[in-house]
Amino acid sequence: MSLTLSLVSLPQCDCGEDEFCRTSKLRLAPCRPQVQYANQNGTVVSCEVAQWICGADNLCGTALDYYFRNCRAMFAGKRCSRRCNNSISILQRQERAAKLQTCVCDGDRQARDGCVDIKRNMNQLCFGKPYIDEDREEETNEISGAGSAAARTLSVAVVCRWR
Protein backbone atom coordinates (compact mmCIF):
# COMPACT_ATOMS: atom_id res chain seq x y z
CA MET A 1 0.00 0.00 0.00
CA SER A 2 2.91 2.36 0.50
CA LEU A 3 3.69 1.96 -3.19
CA THR A 4 1.86 5.19 -4.05
CA LEU A 5 3.87 7.29 -1.63
CA SER A 6 7.13 5.53 -2.52
CA LEU A 7 6.73 6.28 -6.21
CA VAL A 8 6.18 9.94 -5.49
CA SER A 9 9.10 10.45 -3.08
CA LEU A 10 11.70 7.80 -3.98
CA PRO A 11 12.91 9.35 -7.27
CA GLN A 12 13.95 12.54 -5.43
CA CYS A 13 15.98 10.73 -2.77
CA ASP A 14 19.76 10.40 -3.09
CA CYS A 15 20.63 6.72 -2.74
CA GLY A 16 24.38 7.24 -2.74
CA GLU A 17 25.94 3.78 -2.47
CA ASP A 18 22.85 2.17 -0.88
CA GLU A 19 22.21 -0.83 -3.13
CA PHE A 20 18.70 -1.48 -1.74
CA CYS A 21 17.67 2.11 -2.49
CA ARG A 22 19.06 1.99 -6.03
CA THR A 23 17.43 -1.39 -6.72
CA SER A 24 14.10 -0.13 -5.37
CA LYS A 25 14.24 2.94 -7.62
CA LEU A 26 14.88 0.75 -10.66
CA ARG A 27 12.04 -1.64 -9.80
CA LEU A 28 9.52 1.13 -9.19
CA ALA A 29 10.42 3.24 -12.23
CA PRO A 30 8.09 1.43 -14.72
CA CYS A 31 5.06 2.08 -12.47
CA ARG A 32 5.75 5.76 -11.87
CA PRO A 33 3.83 7.25 -14.85
CA GLN A 34 0.65 5.29 -14.02
CA VAL A 35 0.82 6.24 -10.34
CA GLN A 36 1.40 9.91 -11.16
CA TYR A 37 -1.52 9.85 -13.60
CA ALA A 38 -3.82 8.14 -11.08
CA ASN A 39 -2.95 10.75 -8.44
CA GLN A 40 -3.74 13.77 -10.64
CA ASN A 41 -6.78 15.82 -9.70
CA GLY A 42 -9.72 14.98 -11.92
CA THR A 43 -8.46 11.55 -12.94
CA VAL A 44 -11.13 8.87 -12.52
CA VAL A 45 -9.72 5.51 -11.42
CA SER A 46 -11.12 2.10 -10.56
CA CYS A 47 -12.43 1.67 -7.02
CA GLU A 48 -9.60 -0.77 -6.31
CA VAL A 49 -6.98 1.82 -7.29
CA ALA A 50 -8.86 4.48 -5.27
CA GLN A 51 -8.59 2.20 -2.23
CA TRP A 52 -4.85 1.75 -2.80
CA ILE A 53 -4.40 5.51 -2.99
CA CYS A 54 -6.33 5.98 0.25
CA GLY A 55 -4.61 3.05 1.94
CA ALA A 56 -1.15 4.47 1.17
CA ASP A 57 -1.95 7.34 3.54
CA ASN A 58 -1.97 6.36 7.22
CA LEU A 59 -5.02 8.43 8.25
CA CYS A 60 -7.04 7.59 5.15
CA GLY A 61 -6.14 3.90 5.45
CA THR A 62 -7.30 3.87 9.06
CA ALA A 63 -10.58 5.56 8.09
CA LEU A 64 -11.02 2.98 5.32
CA ASP A 65 -10.45 0.13 7.80
CA TYR A 66 -13.14 1.55 10.12
CA TYR A 67 -15.48 1.89 7.13
CA PHE A 68 -15.00 -1.80 6.27
CA ARG A 69 -15.47 -2.79 9.90
CA ASN A 70 -18.51 -0.62 10.69
CA CYS A 71 -20.47 -0.85 7.43
CA ARG A 72 -20.90 -4.62 7.01
CA ALA A 73 -24.69 -4.42 7.37
CA MET A 74 -24.78 -1.70 4.72
CA PHE A 75 -22.65 -3.82 2.37
CA ALA A 76 -25.24 -6.59 2.76
CA GLY A 77 -28.08 -4.17 1.97
CA LYS A 78 -29.62 -4.26 5.46
CA ARG A 79 -29.10 -0.87 7.13
CA CYS A 80 -26.70 2.02 7.62
CA SER A 81 -25.90 2.27 11.32
CA ARG A 82 -24.76 5.45 13.09
CA ARG A 83 -21.25 3.99 13.29
CA CYS A 84 -21.28 3.29 9.56
CA ASN A 85 -22.54 6.81 8.80
CA ASN A 86 -19.85 8.27 11.05
CA SER A 87 -17.16 6.13 9.38
CA ILE A 88 -18.31 7.30 5.94
CA SER A 89 -18.27 10.92 7.11
CA ILE A 90 -14.72 10.59 8.46
CA LEU A 91 -13.57 8.81 5.30
CA GLN A 92 -15.07 11.51 3.06
CA ARG A 93 -13.07 14.18 4.92
CA GLN A 94 -9.77 12.50 4.07
CA GLU A 95 -7.97 14.19 1.19
CA ARG A 96 -6.59 10.88 -0.12
CA ALA A 97 -10.13 9.41 -0.21
CA ALA A 98 -11.36 11.87 -2.85
CA LYS A 99 -11.06 9.33 -5.66
CA LEU A 100 -13.40 6.96 -3.80
CA GLN A 101 -16.22 9.42 -4.55
CA THR A 102 -15.80 9.15 -8.32
CA CYS A 103 -14.24 5.71 -8.75
CA VAL A 104 -15.47 3.26 -11.38
CA CYS A 105 -16.43 -0.30 -10.50
CA ASP A 106 -14.44 -2.73 -12.64
CA GLY A 107 -12.99 -6.21 -12.60
CA ASP A 108 -14.78 -9.43 -13.38
CA ARG A 109 -18.58 -9.44 -13.39
CA GLN A 110 -18.93 -10.61 -9.78
CA ALA A 111 -16.48 -8.02 -8.42
CA ARG A 112 -18.02 -5.24 -10.50
CA ASP A 113 -21.57 -6.13 -9.48
CA GLY A 114 -20.54 -6.29 -5.81
CA CYS A 115 -18.96 -2.86 -6.05
CA VAL A 116 -22.05 -1.42 -7.76
CA ASP A 117 -24.29 -2.97 -5.10
CA ILE A 118 -22.24 -1.40 -2.31
CA LYS A 119 -22.45 2.02 -3.98
CA ARG A 120 -26.21 1.60 -4.42
CA ASN A 121 -26.67 0.44 -0.82
CA MET A 122 -24.69 3.41 0.47
CA ASN A 123 -26.73 5.88 -1.57
CA GLN A 124 -30.07 4.35 -0.58
CA LEU A 125 -29.44 3.32 3.04
CA CYS A 126 -27.03 6.05 4.19
CA PHE A 127 -27.87 9.03 1.99
CA GLY A 128 -31.49 8.32 0.98
CA LYS A 129 -30.67 8.72 -2.72
CA PRO A 130 -31.18 6.28 -5.58
CA TYR A 131 -28.12 4.98 -7.41
CA ILE A 132 -28.47 4.25 -11.10
CA ASP A 133 -25.75 2.21 -12.77
CA GLU A 134 -26.04 3.17 -16.42
CA ASP A 135 -23.59 0.48 -17.56
CA ARG A 136 -25.61 -2.28 -15.93
CA GLU A 137 -28.86 -0.93 -17.44
CA GLU A 138 -27.31 -1.03 -20.90
CA GLU A 139 -26.16 -4.61 -20.35
CA THR A 140 -29.74 -5.80 -19.71
CA ASN A 141 -30.63 -4.75 -23.25
CA GLU A 142 -34.03 -3.52 -22.08
CA ILE A 143 -35.45 -0.11 -22.83
CA SER A 144 -37.51 0.36 -19.66
CA GLY A 145 -40.17 -1.20 -17.51
CA ALA A 146 -40.41 -3.71 -14.69
CA GLY A 147 -37.98 -6.14 -16.30
CA SER A 148 -34.97 -3.86 -15.91
CA ALA A 149 -35.79 -3.12 -12.27
CA ALA A 150 -36.07 -6.84 -11.54
CA ALA A 151 -32.75 -7.52 -13.26
CA ARG A 152 -31.03 -4.87 -11.12
CA THR A 153 -32.35 -6.33 -7.87
CA LEU A 154 -31.08 -9.85 -8.59
CA SER A 155 -27.47 -8.89 -7.91
CA VAL A 156 -28.06 -7.52 -4.40
CA ALA A 157 -26.88 -10.81 -2.87
CA VAL A 158 -23.35 -10.35 -4.26
CA VAL A 159 -21.14 -8.30 -1.96
CA CYS A 160 -17.39 -7.94 -2.19
CA ARG A 161 -14.94 -6.25 0.10
CA TRP A 162 -12.61 -4.93 -2.66
CA ARG A 163 -9.54 -6.14 -0.82
C-alpha atoms as a PDB file:
ATOM      1  CA  MET A   1       0.000   0.000   0.000  1.00  0.00           C
ATOM      2  CA  SER A   2       2.912   2.358   0.499  1.00  0.00           C
ATOM      3  CA  LEU A   3       3.685   1.960  -3.193  1.00  0.00           C
ATOM      4  CA  THR A   4       1.858   5.185  -4.053  1.00  0.00           C
ATOM      5  CA  LEU A   5       3.870   7.291  -1.635  1.00  0.00           C
ATOM      6  CA  SER A   6       7.132   5.529  -2.519  1.00  0.00           C
ATOM      7  CA  LEU A   7       6.729   6.276  -6.208  1.00  0.00           C
ATOM      8  CA  VAL A   8       6.179   9.937  -5.492  1.00  0.00           C
ATOM      9  CA  SER A   9       9.098  10.447  -3.081  1.00  0.00           C
ATOM     10  CA  LEU A  10      11.703   7.803  -3.984  1.00  0.00           C
ATOM     11  CA  PRO A  11      12.911   9.354  -7.273  1.00  0.00           C
ATOM     12  CA  GLN A  12      13.951  12.537  -5.426  1.00  0.00           C
ATOM     13  CA  CYS A  13      15.985  10.725  -2.775  1.00  0.00           C
ATOM     14  CA  ASP A  14      19.756  10.400  -3.094  1.00  0.00           C
ATOM     15  CA  CYS A  15      20.633   6.720  -2.737  1.00  0.00           C
ATOM     16  CA  GLY A  16      24.375   7.242  -2.739  1.00  0.00           C
ATOM     17  CA  GLU A  17      25.942   3.781  -2.468  1.00  0.00           C
ATOM     18  CA  ASP A  18      22.846   2.173  -0.883  1.00  0.00           C
ATOM     19  CA  GLU A  19      22.206  -0.833  -3.126  1.00  0.00           C
ATOM     20  CA  PHE A  20      18.697  -1.477  -1.736  1.00  0.00           C
ATOM     21  CA  CYS A  21      17.668   2.107  -2.485  1.00  0.00           C
ATOM     22  CA  ARG A  22      19.058   1.991  -6.030  1.00  0.00           C
ATOM     23  CA  THR A  23      17.426  -1.395  -6.724  1.00  0.00           C
ATOM     24  CA  SER A  24      14.100  -0.127  -5.373  1.00  0.00           C
ATOM     25  CA  LYS A  25      14.239   2.942  -7.615  1.00  0.00           C
ATOM     26  CA  LEU A  26      14.879   0.747 -10.656  1.00  0.00           C
ATOM     27  CA  ARG A  27      12.038  -1.637  -9.805  1.00  0.00           C
ATOM     28  CA  LEU A  28       9.522   1.128  -9.191  1.00  0.00           C
ATOM     29  CA  ALA A  29      10.419   3.236 -12.235  1.00  0.00           C
ATOM     30  CA  PRO A  30       8.090   1.426 -14.720  1.00  0.00           C
ATOM     31  CA  CYS A  31       5.064   2.082 -12.467  1.00  0.00           C
ATOM     32  CA  ARG A  32       5.755   5.759 -11.871  1.00  0.00           C
ATOM     33  CA  PRO A  33       3.827   7.252 -14.850  1.00  0.00           C
ATOM     34  CA  GLN A  34       0.655   5.287 -14.019  1.00  0.00           C
ATOM     35  CA  VAL A  35       0.818   6.244 -10.343  1.00  0.00           C
ATOM     36  CA  GLN A  36       1.398   9.907 -11.161  1.00  0.00           C
ATOM     37  CA  TYR A  37      -1.521   9.853 -13.604  1.00  0.00           C
ATOM     38  CA  ALA A  38      -3.820   8.138 -11.084  1.00  0.00           C
ATOM     39  CA  ASN A  39      -2.949  10.748  -8.443  1.00  0.00           C
ATOM     40  CA  GLN A  40      -3.735  13.767 -10.637  1.00  0.00           C
ATOM     41  CA  ASN A  41      -6.780  15.822  -9.699  1.00  0.00           C
ATOM     42  CA  GLY A  42      -9.721  14.984 -11.917  1.00  0.00           C
ATOM     43  CA  THR A  43      -8.464  11.553 -12.937  1.00  0.00           C
ATOM     44  CA  VAL A  44     -11.126   8.865 -12.523  1.00  0.00           C
ATOM     45  CA  VAL A  45      -9.724   5.514 -11.423  1.00  0.00           C
ATOM     46  CA  SER A  46     -11.116   2.098 -10.559  1.00  0.00           C
ATOM     47  CA  CYS A  47     -12.429   1.667  -7.023  1.00  0.00           C
ATOM     48  CA  GLU A  48      -9.602  -0.774  -6.308  1.00  0.00           C
ATOM     49  CA  VAL A  49      -6.975   1.819  -7.286  1.00  0.00           C
ATOM     50  CA  ALA A  50      -8.857   4.475  -5.275  1.00  0.00           C
ATOM     51  CA  GLN A  51      -8.591   2.203  -2.231  1.00  0.00           C
ATOM     52  CA  TRP A  52      -4.845   1.746  -2.798  1.00  0.00           C
ATOM     53  CA  ILE A  53      -4.396   5.513  -2.988  1.00  0.00           C
ATOM     54  CA  CYS A  54      -6.325   5.978   0.250  1.00  0.00           C
ATOM     55  CA  GLY A  55      -4.606   3.045   1.940  1.00  0.00           C
ATOM     56  CA  ALA A  56      -1.150   4.468   1.172  1.00  0.00           C
ATOM     57  CA  ASP A  57      -1.948   7.340   3.544  1.00  0.00           C
ATOM     58  CA  ASN A  58      -1.967   6.363   7.224  1.00  0.00           C
ATOM     59  CA  LEU A  59      -5.021   8.429   8.251  1.00  0.00           C
ATOM     60  CA  CYS A  60      -7.037   7.589   5.152  1.00  0.00           C
ATOM     61  CA  GLY A  61      -6.136   3.901   5.445  1.00  0.00           C
ATOM     62  CA  THR A  62      -7.299   3.869   9.064  1.00  0.00           C
ATOM     63  CA  ALA A  63     -10.576   5.563   8.091  1.00  0.00           C
ATOM     64  CA  LEU A  64     -11.024   2.977   5.317  1.00  0.00           C
ATOM     65  CA  ASP A  65     -10.447   0.134   7.797  1.00  0.00           C
ATOM     66  CA  TYR A  66     -13.136   1.553  10.116  1.00  0.00           C
ATOM     67  CA  TYR A  67     -15.479   1.890   7.130  1.00  0.00           C
ATOM     68  CA  PHE A  68     -14.997  -1.797   6.266  1.00  0.00           C
ATOM     69  CA  ARG A  69     -15.471  -2.792   9.903  1.00  0.00           C
ATOM     70  CA  ASN A  70     -18.507  -0.617  10.690  1.00  0.00           C
ATOM     71  CA  CYS A  71     -20.466  -0.854   7.433  1.00  0.00           C
ATOM     72  CA  ARG A  72     -20.902  -4.617   7.007  1.00  0.00           C
ATOM     73  CA  ALA A  73     -24.688  -4.420   7.373  1.00  0.00           C
ATOM     74  CA  MET A  74     -24.784  -1.698   4.717  1.00  0.00           C
ATOM     75  CA  PHE A  75     -22.651  -3.823   2.370  1.00  0.00           C
ATOM     76  CA  ALA A  76     -25.240  -6.586   2.763  1.00  0.00           C
ATOM     77  CA  GLY A  77     -28.082  -4.174   1.965  1.00  0.00           C
ATOM     78  CA  LYS A  78     -29.618  -4.259   5.465  1.00  0.00           C
ATOM     79  CA  ARG A  79     -29.102  -0.872   7.131  1.00  0.00           C
ATOM     80  CA  CYS A  80     -26.703   2.019   7.620  1.00  0.00           C
ATOM     81  CA  SER A  81     -25.899   2.269  11.323  1.00  0.00           C
ATOM     82  CA  ARG A  82     -24.762   5.445  13.088  1.00  0.00           C
ATOM     83  CA  ARG A  83     -21.253   3.992  13.287  1.00  0.00           C
ATOM     84  CA  CYS A  84     -21.283   3.293   9.563  1.00  0.00           C
ATOM     85  CA  ASN A  85     -22.535   6.807   8.795  1.00  0.00           C
ATOM     86  CA  ASN A  86     -19.845   8.266  11.045  1.00  0.00           C
ATOM     87  CA  SER A  87     -17.165   6.126   9.376  1.00  0.00           C
ATOM     88  CA  ILE A  88     -18.314   7.301   5.943  1.00  0.00           C
ATOM     89  CA  SER A  89     -18.267  10.919   7.112  1.00  0.00           C
ATOM     90  CA  ILE A  90     -14.717  10.592   8.456  1.00  0.00           C
ATOM     91  CA  LEU A  91     -13.567   8.814   5.301  1.00  0.00           C
ATOM     92  CA  GLN A  92     -15.069  11.515   3.064  1.00  0.00           C
ATOM     93  CA  ARG A  93     -13.070  14.183   4.918  1.00  0.00           C
ATOM     94  CA  GLN A  94      -9.767  12.496   4.065  1.00  0.00           C
ATOM     95  CA  GLU A  95      -7.966  14.190   1.186  1.00  0.00           C
ATOM     96  CA  ARG A  96      -6.587  10.879  -0.118  1.00  0.00           C
ATOM     97  CA  ALA A  97     -10.125   9.413  -0.215  1.00  0.00           C
ATOM     98  CA  ALA A  98     -11.360  11.874  -2.848  1.00  0.00           C
ATOM     99  CA  LYS A  99     -11.055   9.335  -5.663  1.00  0.00           C
ATOM    100  CA  LEU A 100     -13.401   6.955  -3.801  1.00  0.00           C
ATOM    101  CA  GLN A 101     -16.220   9.424  -4.551  1.00  0.00           C
ATOM    102  CA  THR A 102     -15.795   9.148  -8.319  1.00  0.00           C
ATOM    103  CA  CYS A 103     -14.243   5.705  -8.746  1.00  0.00           C
ATOM    104  CA  VAL A 104     -15.467   3.265 -11.379  1.00  0.00           C
ATOM    105  CA  CYS A 105     -16.431  -0.298 -10.499  1.00  0.00           C
ATOM    106  CA  ASP A 106     -14.444  -2.726 -12.635  1.00  0.00           C
ATOM    107  CA  GLY A 107     -12.988  -6.214 -12.596  1.00  0.00           C
ATOM    108  CA  ASP A 108     -14.784  -9.433 -13.378  1.00  0.00           C
ATOM    109  CA  ARG A 109     -18.579  -9.441 -13.392  1.00  0.00           C
ATOM    110  CA  GLN A 110     -18.926 -10.615  -9.783  1.00  0.00           C
ATOM    111  CA  ALA A 111     -16.479  -8.021  -8.417  1.00  0.00           C
ATOM    112  CA  ARG A 112     -18.022  -5.240 -10.495  1.00  0.00           C
ATOM    113  CA  ASP A 113     -21.570  -6.132  -9.479  1.00  0.00           C
ATOM    114  CA  GLY A 114     -20.542  -6.287  -5.812  1.00  0.00           C
ATOM    115  CA  CYS A 115     -18.960  -2.858  -6.053  1.00  0.00           C
ATOM    116  CA  VAL A 116     -22.052  -1.416  -7.761  1.00  0.00           C
ATOM    117  CA  ASP A 117     -24.285  -2.968  -5.103  1.00  0.00           C
ATOM    118  CA  ILE A 118     -22.241  -1.402  -2.307  1.00  0.00           C
ATOM    119  CA  LYS A 119     -22.454   2.024  -3.985  1.00  0.00           C
ATOM    120  CA  ARG A 120     -26.212   1.597  -4.420  1.00  0.00           C
ATOM    121  CA  ASN A 121     -26.672   0.437  -0.817  1.00  0.00           C
ATOM    122  CA  MET A 122     -24.689   3.409   0.470  1.00  0.00           C
ATOM    123  CA  ASN A 123     -26.732   5.882  -1.573  1.00  0.00           C
ATOM    124  CA  GLN A 124     -30.071   4.350  -0.582  1.00  0.00           C
ATOM    125  CA  LEU A 125     -29.439   3.324   3.038  1.00  0.00           C
ATOM    126  CA  CYS A 126     -27.034   6.046   4.188  1.00  0.00           C
ATOM    127  CA  PHE A 127     -27.874   9.034   1.989  1.00  0.00           C
ATOM    128  CA  GLY A 128     -31.488   8.322   0.981  1.00  0.00           C
ATOM    129  CA  LYS A 129     -30.667   8.717  -2.722  1.00  0.00           C
ATOM    130  CA  PRO A 130     -31.179   6.281  -5.584  1.00  0.00           C
ATOM    131  CA  TYR A 131     -28.121   4.975  -7.413  1.00  0.00           C
ATOM    132  CA  ILE A 132     -28.469   4.253 -11.104  1.00  0.00           C
ATOM    133  CA  ASP A 133     -25.752   2.212 -12.768  1.00  0.00           C
ATOM    134  CA  GLU A 134     -26.040   3.173 -16.420  1.00  0.00           C
ATOM    135  CA  ASP A 135     -23.592   0.480 -17.563  1.00  0.00           C
ATOM    136  CA  ARG A 136     -25.614  -2.279 -15.932  1.00  0.00           C
ATOM    137  CA  GLU A 137     -28.858  -0.931 -17.440  1.00  0.00           C
ATOM    138  CA  GLU A 138     -27.307  -1.026 -20.901  1.00  0.00           C
ATOM    139  CA  GLU A 139     -26.161  -4.614 -20.352  1.00  0.00           C
ATOM    140  CA  THR A 140     -29.736  -5.795 -19.705  1.00  0.00           C
ATOM    141  CA  ASN A 141     -30.628  -4.747 -23.254  1.00  0.00           C
ATOM    142  CA  GLU A 142     -34.026  -3.518 -22.079  1.00  0.00           C
ATOM    143  CA  ILE A 143     -35.447  -0.115 -22.832  1.00  0.00           C
ATOM    144  CA  SER A 144     -37.510   0.361 -19.665  1.00  0.00           C
ATOM    145  CA  GLY A 145     -40.173  -1.204 -17.505  1.00  0.00           C
ATOM    146  CA  ALA A 146     -40.412  -3.714 -14.693  1.00  0.00           C
ATOM    147  CA  GLY A 147     -37.979  -6.144 -16.300  1.00  0.00           C
ATOM    148  CA  SER A 148     -34.968  -3.863 -15.914  1.00  0.00           C
ATOM    149  CA  ALA A 149     -35.785  -3.123 -12.266  1.00  0.00           C
ATOM    150  CA  ALA A 150     -36.068  -6.836 -11.538  1.00  0.00           C
ATOM    151  CA  ALA A 151     -32.755  -7.523 -13.258  1.00  0.00           C
ATOM    152  CA  ARG A 152     -31.035  -4.872 -11.120  1.00  0.00           C
ATOM    153  CA  THR A 153     -32.354  -6.333  -7.867  1.00  0.00           C
ATOM    154  CA  LEU A 154     -31.076  -9.846  -8.589  1.00  0.00           C
ATOM    155  CA  SER A 155     -27.474  -8.893  -7.910  1.00  0.00           C
ATOM    156  CA  VAL A 156     -28.056  -7.522  -4.399  1.00  0.00           C
ATOM    157  CA  ALA A 157     -26.877 -10.807  -2.872  1.00  0.00           C
ATOM    158  CA  VAL A 158     -23.355 -10.354  -4.260  1.00  0.00           C
ATOM    159  CA  VAL A 159     -21.139  -8.302  -1.962  1.00  0.00           C
ATOM    160  CA  CYS A 160     -17.387  -7.942  -2.190  1.00  0.00           C
ATOM    161  CA  ARG A 161     -14.941  -6.248   0.099  1.00  0.00           C
ATOM    162  CA  TRP A 162     -12.607  -4.926  -2.658  1.00  0.00           C
ATOM    163  CA  ARG A 163      -9.537  -6.142  -0.820  1.00  0.00           C
END
